Amino acid sequence: MIFVKFLVFAAIAIVIVKLVASLFGKGNIPLLNNLITVILGIFVAFEVIKLGQILWEKFI
């Protein structure tokens, strides 16, 4: 569980770094763009899976 918390905090830190870089006009860094895309993709997938589980439990 500690490893998962570390990954979550690392993802939040990466998003904050991207936000700060964007605020200073340096937001077009390919590595940060790719990391943000992966982080947001994982987040959306997690939320869709959780929603599916809730709907599955409610209707089945």
C-alpha atoms as a PDB file:
ATOM      1  CA  MET A   1       0.000   0.000   0.000  1.00  0.00           C
ATOM      2  CA  ILE A   2       2.913   2.335   0.701  1.00  0.00           C
ATOM      3  CA  PHE A   3       4.170   1.842  -2.870  1.00  0.00           C
ATOM      4  CA  VAL A   4       0.774   2.808  -4.276  1.00  0.00           C
ATOM      5  CA  LYS A   5       0.703   5.949  -2.122  1.00  0.00           C
ATOM      6  CA  PHE A   6       4.178   6.821  -3.380  1.00  0.00           C
ATOM      7  CA  LEU A   7       3.014   6.442  -6.980  1.00  0.00           C
ATOM      8  CA  VAL A   8      -0.030   8.635  -6.342  1.00  0.00           C
ATOM      9  CA  PHE A   9       2.076  11.371  -4.737  1.00  0.00           C
ATOM     10  CA  ALA A  10       4.631  11.134  -7.553  1.00  0.00           C
ATOM     11  CA  ALA A  11       1.847  11.530 -10.114  1.00  0.00           C
ATOM     12  CA  ILE A  12       0.479  14.557  -8.253  1.00  0.00           C
ATOM     13  CA  ALA A  13       3.978  16.060  -8.143  1.00  0.00           C
ATOM     14  CA  ILE A  14       4.406  15.549 -11.893  1.00  0.00           C
ATOM     15  CA  VAL A  15       1.072  17.245 -12.574  1.00  0.00           C
ATOM     16  CA  ILE A  16       2.072  20.183 -10.341  1.00  0.00           C
ATOM     17  CA  VAL A  17       5.435  20.482 -12.116  1.00  0.00           C
ATOM     18  CA  LYS A  18       3.617  20.537 -15.463  1.00  0.00           C
ATOM     19  CA  LEU A  19       1.226  23.213 -14.173  1.00  0.00           C
ATOM     20  CA  VAL A  20       4.080  25.399 -12.918  1.00  0.00           C
ATOM     21  CA  ALA A  21       5.998  24.916 -16.175  1.00  0.00           C
ATOM     22  CA  SER A  22       2.905  25.930 -18.128  1.00  0.00           C
ATOM     23  CA  LEU A  23       2.412  29.023 -15.975  1.00  0.00           C
ATOM     24  CA  PHE A  24       5.970  30.145 -16.778  1.00  0.00           C
ATOM     25  CA  GLY A  25       5.548  29.487 -20.493  1.00  0.00           C
ATOM     26  CA  LYS A  26       7.679  26.332 -20.544  1.00  0.00           C
ATOM     27  CA  GLY A  27       4.849  23.810 -20.677  1.00  0.00           C
ATOM     28  CA  ASN A  28       5.739  22.278 -24.034  1.00  0.00           C
ATOM     29  CA  ILE A  29       8.196  19.688 -22.696  1.00  0.00           C
ATOM     30  CA  PRO A  30       7.641  16.374 -24.524  1.00  0.00           C
ATOM     31  CA  LEU A  31       8.571  14.173 -21.546  1.00  0.00           C
ATOM     32  CA  LEU A  32       6.157  15.986 -19.231  1.00  0.00           C
ATOM     33  CA  ASN A  33       3.443  15.901 -21.894  1.00  0.00           C
ATOM     34  CA  ASN A  34       3.832  12.123 -22.248  1.00  0.00           C
ATOM     35  CA  LEU A  35       3.829  11.588 -18.479  1.00  0.00           C
ATOM     36  CA  ILE A  36       0.691  13.687 -18.047  1.00  0.00           C
ATOM     37  CA  THR A  37      -1.019  11.738 -20.837  1.00  0.00           C
ATOM     38  CA  VAL A  38      -0.180   8.430 -19.141  1.00  0.00           C
ATOM     39  CA  ILE A  39      -1.234   9.683 -15.697  1.00  0.00           C
ATOM     40  CA  LEU A  40      -4.568  10.989 -16.966  1.00  0.00           C
ATOM     41  CA  GLY A  41      -5.155   7.795 -18.963  1.00  0.00           C
ATOM     42  CA  ILE A  42      -4.580   5.653 -15.872  1.00  0.00           C
ATOM     43  CA  PHE A  43      -6.862   7.908 -13.821  1.00  0.00           C
ATOM     44  CA  VAL A  44      -9.680   7.711 -16.378  1.00  0.00           C
ATOM     45  CA  ALA A  45      -9.304   3.924 -16.673  1.00  0.00           C
ATOM     46  CA  PHE A  46      -9.427   3.583 -12.875  1.00  0.00           C
ATOM     47  CA  GLU A  47     -12.572   5.710 -12.662  1.00  0.00           C
ATOM     48  CA  VAL A  48     -14.302   3.774 -15.456  1.00  0.00           C
ATOM     49  CA  ILE A  49     -13.484   0.475 -13.732  1.00  0.00           C
ATOM     50  CA  LYS A  50     -14.812   1.784 -10.403  1.00  0.00           C
ATOM     51  CA  LEU A  51     -17.988   3.037 -12.095  1.00  0.00           C
ATOM     52  CA  GLY A  52     -18.426  -0.348 -13.759  1.00  0.00           C
ATOM     53  CA  GLN A  53     -18.059  -2.092 -10.406  1.00  0.00           C
ATOM     54  CA  ILE A  54     -20.673   0.169  -8.826  1.00  0.00           C
ATOM     55  CA  LEU A  55     -23.121  -0.381 -11.669  1.00  0.00           C
ATOM     56  CA  TRP A  56     -22.459  -4.133 -11.608  1.00  0.00           C
ATOM     57  CA  GLU A  57     -23.206  -4.327  -7.868  1.00  0.00           C
ATOM     58  CA  LYS A  58     -26.314  -2.170  -8.185  1.00  0.00           C
ATOM     59  CA  PHE A  59     -27.989  -4.003 -11.053  1.00  0.00           C
ATOM     60  CA  ILE A  60     -26.739  -7.570 -10.653  1.00  0.00           C
END
